[in-house]
Protein backbone atom coordinates (compact mmCIF):
# COMPACT_ATOMS: atom_id res chain seq x y z
CA MET A 1 7.00 7.64 -0.74
CA ILE A 2 8.60 6.80 2.63
CA LYS A 3 10.52 9.26 3.15
CA ASP A 4 11.16 10.64 6.98
CA ARG A 5 8.91 7.60 8.03
CA ILE A 6 9.38 4.97 10.31
CA VAL A 7 9.69 1.63 8.99
CA ARG A 8 10.66 -1.84 10.07
CA ILE A 9 13.12 -3.49 6.36
CA LYS A 10 13.30 -7.14 6.83
CA LEU A 11 16.57 -8.17 4.63
CA LYS A 12 16.46 -11.47 2.64
CA ARG A 13 18.07 -14.57 3.88
CA GLN A 14 21.10 -15.03 1.05
CA TYR A 15 21.69 -19.07 2.49
CA GLN A 16 20.51 -20.81 4.72
CA GLU A 17 22.78 -20.41 8.41
CA GLN A 18 22.56 -16.11 7.40
CA ARG A 19 21.01 -15.03 11.02
CA PRO A 20 17.86 -13.10 9.69
CA MET A 21 18.22 -9.18 9.87
CA ASN A 22 16.02 -6.33 10.31
CA TYR A 23 16.59 -2.55 10.68
CA VAL A 24 14.40 -0.41 12.55
CA GLY A 25 15.03 3.61 11.85
CA LYS A 26 13.97 6.73 10.21
CA VAL A 27 13.69 6.42 6.20
CA THR A 28 16.20 9.65 5.31
CA HIS A 29 16.94 8.90 1.41
CA PHE A 30 14.72 6.43 -0.89
CA ASN A 31 15.00 5.46 -4.38
CA ASP A 32 14.40 2.72 -7.09
CA ASN A 33 17.83 1.31 -5.86
CA TRP A 34 18.87 1.68 -2.52
CA VAL A 35 17.50 2.54 0.60
CA GLY A 36 18.71 5.27 3.22
CA LEU A 37 17.92 5.25 7.17
CA GLU A 38 18.75 6.42 10.32
CA ALA A 39 18.40 2.69 11.97
CA ILE A 40 18.87 0.20 14.55
CA GLY A 41 19.79 -2.82 13.59
CA LEU A 42 18.30 -6.10 14.91
CA MET A 43 19.84 -9.77 14.45
CA ILE A 44 17.75 -13.19 15.19
CA ALA A 45 20.05 -14.60 18.01
CA ARG A 46 19.69 -17.87 19.94
CA ASN A 47 21.82 -16.81 22.58
CA GLN A 48 20.26 -13.70 23.66
CA PRO A 49 17.30 -14.12 26.01
CA ASN A 50 15.07 -12.21 24.27
CA HIS A 51 16.12 -14.31 21.10
CA VAL A 52 17.03 -10.88 19.44
CA GLN A 53 20.28 -8.49 19.59
CA ILE A 54 19.89 -4.83 19.55
CA ASP A 55 22.46 -2.42 18.78
CA ALA A 56 22.40 0.03 21.10
CA HIS A 57 22.94 2.90 18.98
CA ARG A 58 21.26 4.02 15.95
CA SER A 59 23.73 4.48 12.78
CA ALA A 60 23.45 5.56 8.84
CA THR A 61 22.59 2.53 6.82
CA VAL A 62 22.19 2.29 3.83
CA VAL A 63 20.59 -1.06 2.17
CA PRO A 64 20.09 -2.45 -1.24
CA ARG A 65 16.47 -2.64 -2.39
CA ASP A 66 17.59 -6.11 -3.83
CA ASN A 67 18.51 -7.23 -0.83
CA ILE A 68 14.79 -5.76 0.90
CA GLU A 69 12.24 -8.83 2.12
CA SER A 70 9.40 -6.54 3.24
CA ILE A 71 9.04 -3.31 4.02
CA ALA A 72 6.68 -1.98 7.43
CA LEU A 73 5.19 0.84 8.46
CA LEU A 74 5.79 1.88 11.64
CA PRO A 75 3.48 4.66 13.28
CA ASP A 76 5.29 8.21 13.53
CA ASN A 77 5.73 7.95 17.30
CA PHE A 78 7.22 4.46 17.47
CA ASP A 79 9.83 4.92 19.91
CA ILE A 80 13.46 3.33 18.19
CA LYS A 81 15.63 3.98 21.26
CA ASN A 82 13.49 1.70 23.40
CA ILE A 83 12.56 -1.43 20.90
CA ARG A 84 10.38 -3.82 23.20
CA VAL A 85 10.38 -7.42 21.06
CA THR A 86 7.63 -9.99 21.92
CA THR A 87 7.02 -13.31 21.17
CA GLU A 88 3.77 -15.09 19.96
CA GLY A 89 3.56 -18.35 19.38
CA GLN A 90 6.95 -19.37 16.93
CA GLN A 91 7.38 -15.60 16.38
CA ILE A 92 9.14 -13.26 17.67
CA GLN A 93 7.64 -9.40 16.93
CA ILE A 94 8.36 -5.90 17.27
CA ASP A 95 5.89 -4.70 20.21
CA VAL A 96 4.35 -2.05 18.77
CA THR A 97 1.53 0.59 20.98
CA GLY A 98 -1.65 1.34 19.40
CA ALA A 99 -1.02 -0.68 16.22
CA PRO A 100 -0.47 -4.43 14.94
CA ASN A 101 3.29 -5.95 16.82
CA VAL A 102 5.50 -6.19 13.34
CA TYR A 103 7.10 -9.39 12.75
CA ILE A 104 10.39 -9.79 12.51
CA GLY A 105 11.82 -13.93 12.13
CA GLU A 106 10.70 -16.99 13.93
CA LEU A 107 12.50 -19.12 16.57
CA GLY A 108 14.85 -21.41 16.12
CA GLU A 109 16.51 -18.81 13.47
CA GLY A 110 19.86 -17.37 14.17
């Protein structure tokens, strides 16, 4: 279904104080219980200049499907190594060339 596609996975927040977490990467495994990714983590953080803490390197990540709030498909030519983040109003978004930007969180969260 989404195997070998580049996606943004937004995780559910389990409690109010939890910082919003997203993963951007290529899906390596997908089944009824979990999604395997080769991905970079993005976490909303007020103390960062662009309001997002972005991991320096990709890593293998397994996400339980019960913890996923949403999945957004990104273009196949999306450059995972150079993720650019923008703000539009209160929304923090990943800048996607040639496609709509992808929502990752709100200013003030995290």
